[in-house]
Amino acid sequence: MNIPNIPSTNSKNSVPEARAALDQFKYEVANEIGVPLKQGYNGDLTSAQNGYVGGYMVKKMIDAQKRQMAGK
């Protein structure tokens, strides 16, 4: 059996410089959708709330990429 060489994922960012921008984006998205995300501990949030923030971040990034690819 030939198994493709798939890079493993880990907690390291491939572009460490983007960390601050992604964190800021996360808080902006959370605020926009009404999730009370704050700096530090957020254990009081449900997994659904956290998933909604992450999912909406992905949706916004995909939409932005589509606009860029369309030349808008």
C-alpha atoms as a PDB file:
ATOM      1  CA  MET A   1       0.000   0.000   0.000  1.00  0.00           C
ATOM      2  CA  ASN A   2       1.358   3.408  -0.942  1.00  0.00           C
ATOM      3  CA  ILE A   3       0.460   6.007   1.691  1.00  0.00           C
ATOM      4  CA  PRO A   4       0.912   9.654   0.633  1.00  0.00           C
ATOM      5  CA  ASN A   5       3.252  11.807   2.672  1.00  0.00           C
ATOM      6  CA  ILE A   6       0.818  14.129   4.447  1.00  0.00           C
ATOM      7  CA  PRO A   7       2.380  16.813   6.641  1.00  0.00           C
ATOM      8  CA  SER A   8       1.415  16.494  10.267  1.00  0.00           C
ATOM      9  CA  THR A   9      -0.402  19.293  12.007  1.00  0.00           C
ATOM     10  CA  ASN A  10       0.813  20.754  15.242  1.00  0.00           C
ATOM     11  CA  SER A  11       0.306  23.839  17.340  1.00  0.00           C
ATOM     12  CA  LYS A  12       3.073  25.793  15.585  1.00  0.00           C
ATOM     13  CA  ASN A  13       1.943  28.438  13.139  1.00  0.00           C
ATOM     14  CA  SER A  14       3.433  28.222   9.681  1.00  0.00           C
ATOM     15  CA  VAL A  15       3.457  32.049   9.649  1.00  0.00           C
ATOM     16  CA  PRO A  16       4.112  33.188  13.245  1.00  0.00           C
ATOM     17  CA  GLU A  17       3.779  36.857  12.260  1.00  0.00           C
ATOM     18  CA  ALA A  18       0.101  36.286  11.507  1.00  0.00           C
ATOM     19  CA  ARG A  19      -0.708  35.248  15.095  1.00  0.00           C
ATOM     20  CA  ALA A  20      -1.594  38.747  16.353  1.00  0.00           C
ATOM     21  CA  ALA A  21      -3.733  39.502  13.287  1.00  0.00           C
ATOM     22  CA  LEU A  22      -5.629  36.217  13.633  1.00  0.00           C
ATOM     23  CA  ASP A  23      -6.210  36.827  17.334  1.00  0.00           C
ATOM     24  CA  GLN A  24      -7.563  40.301  16.588  1.00  0.00           C
ATOM     25  CA  PHE A  25      -9.768  38.862  13.824  1.00  0.00           C
ATOM     26  CA  LYS A  26     -11.082  36.227  16.261  1.00  0.00           C
ATOM     27  CA  TYR A  27     -12.153  38.878  18.780  1.00  0.00           C
ATOM     28  CA  GLU A  28     -13.742  41.026  16.046  1.00  0.00           C
ATOM     29  CA  VAL A  29     -15.738  38.042  14.743  1.00  0.00           C
ATOM     30  CA  ALA A  30     -16.818  37.017  18.251  1.00  0.00           C
ATOM     31  CA  ASN A  31     -18.007  40.557  18.942  1.00  0.00           C
ATOM     32  CA  GLU A  32     -19.813  40.700  15.592  1.00  0.00           C
ATOM     33  CA  ILE A  33     -21.791  37.504  16.289  1.00  0.00           C
ATOM     34  CA  GLY A  34     -22.399  38.231  19.962  1.00  0.00           C
ATOM     35  CA  VAL A  35     -20.090  35.659  21.584  1.00  0.00           C
ATOM     36  CA  PRO A  36     -18.553  37.105  24.782  1.00  0.00           C
ATOM     37  CA  LEU A  37     -14.965  36.068  23.998  1.00  0.00           C
ATOM     38  CA  LYS A  38     -12.385  37.768  26.188  1.00  0.00           C
ATOM     39  CA  GLN A  39      -8.612  37.761  26.641  1.00  0.00           C
ATOM     40  CA  GLY A  40      -7.465  34.864  28.801  1.00  0.00           C
ATOM     41  CA  TYR A  41      -9.717  32.147  30.173  1.00  0.00           C
ATOM     42  CA  ASN A  42     -12.882  31.380  28.213  1.00  0.00           C
ATOM     43  CA  GLY A  43     -13.864  28.081  29.820  1.00  0.00           C
ATOM     44  CA  ASP A  44     -17.325  29.452  30.506  1.00  0.00           C
ATOM     45  CA  LEU A  45     -18.140  29.425  26.783  1.00  0.00           C
ATOM     46  CA  THR A  46     -19.761  26.384  25.231  1.00  0.00           C
ATOM     47  CA  SER A  47     -18.096  24.362  22.518  1.00  0.00           C
ATOM     48  CA  ALA A  48     -20.912  25.497  20.220  1.00  0.00           C
ATOM     49  CA  GLN A  49     -20.036  29.150  20.851  1.00  0.00           C
ATOM     50  CA  ASN A  50     -16.350  28.515  20.223  1.00  0.00           C
ATOM     51  CA  GLY A  51     -17.129  26.499  17.116  1.00  0.00           C
ATOM     52  CA  TYR A  52     -19.382  29.236  15.808  1.00  0.00           C
ATOM     53  CA  VAL A  53     -16.551  31.778  16.131  1.00  0.00           C
ATOM     54  CA  GLY A  54     -14.105  29.504  14.311  1.00  0.00           C
ATOM     55  CA  GLY A  55     -16.600  28.578  11.627  1.00  0.00           C
ATOM     56  CA  TYR A  56     -17.549  32.177  10.989  1.00  0.00           C
ATOM     57  CA  MET A  57     -13.859  33.136  10.784  1.00  0.00           C
ATOM     58  CA  VAL A  58     -13.369  30.504   8.086  1.00  0.00           C
ATOM     59  CA  LYS A  59     -16.464  31.689   6.204  1.00  0.00           C
ATOM     60  CA  LYS A  60     -15.233  35.290   6.230  1.00  0.00           C
ATOM     61  CA  MET A  61     -11.729  34.270   5.099  1.00  0.00           C
ATOM     62  CA  ILE A  62     -13.152  32.201   2.235  1.00  0.00           C
ATOM     63  CA  ASP A  63     -15.431  35.067   1.178  1.00  0.00           C
ATOM     64  CA  ALA A  64     -12.482  37.488   1.224  1.00  0.00           C
ATOM     65  CA  GLN A  65     -10.383  35.113  -0.878  1.00  0.00           C
ATOM     66  CA  LYS A  66     -13.209  34.685  -3.389  1.00  0.00           C
ATOM     67  CA  ARG A  67     -13.536  38.469  -3.712  1.00  0.00           C
ATOM     68  CA  GLN A  68      -9.785  38.782  -4.192  1.00  0.00           C
ATOM     69  CA  MET A  69      -9.745  36.051  -6.834  1.00  0.00           C
ATOM     70  CA  ALA A  70     -12.642  37.726  -8.638  1.00  0.00           C
ATOM     71  CA  GLY A  71     -10.677  40.980  -8.700  1.00  0.00           C
ATOM     72  CA  LYS A  72     -13.048  42.890  -6.429  1.00  0.00           C
END
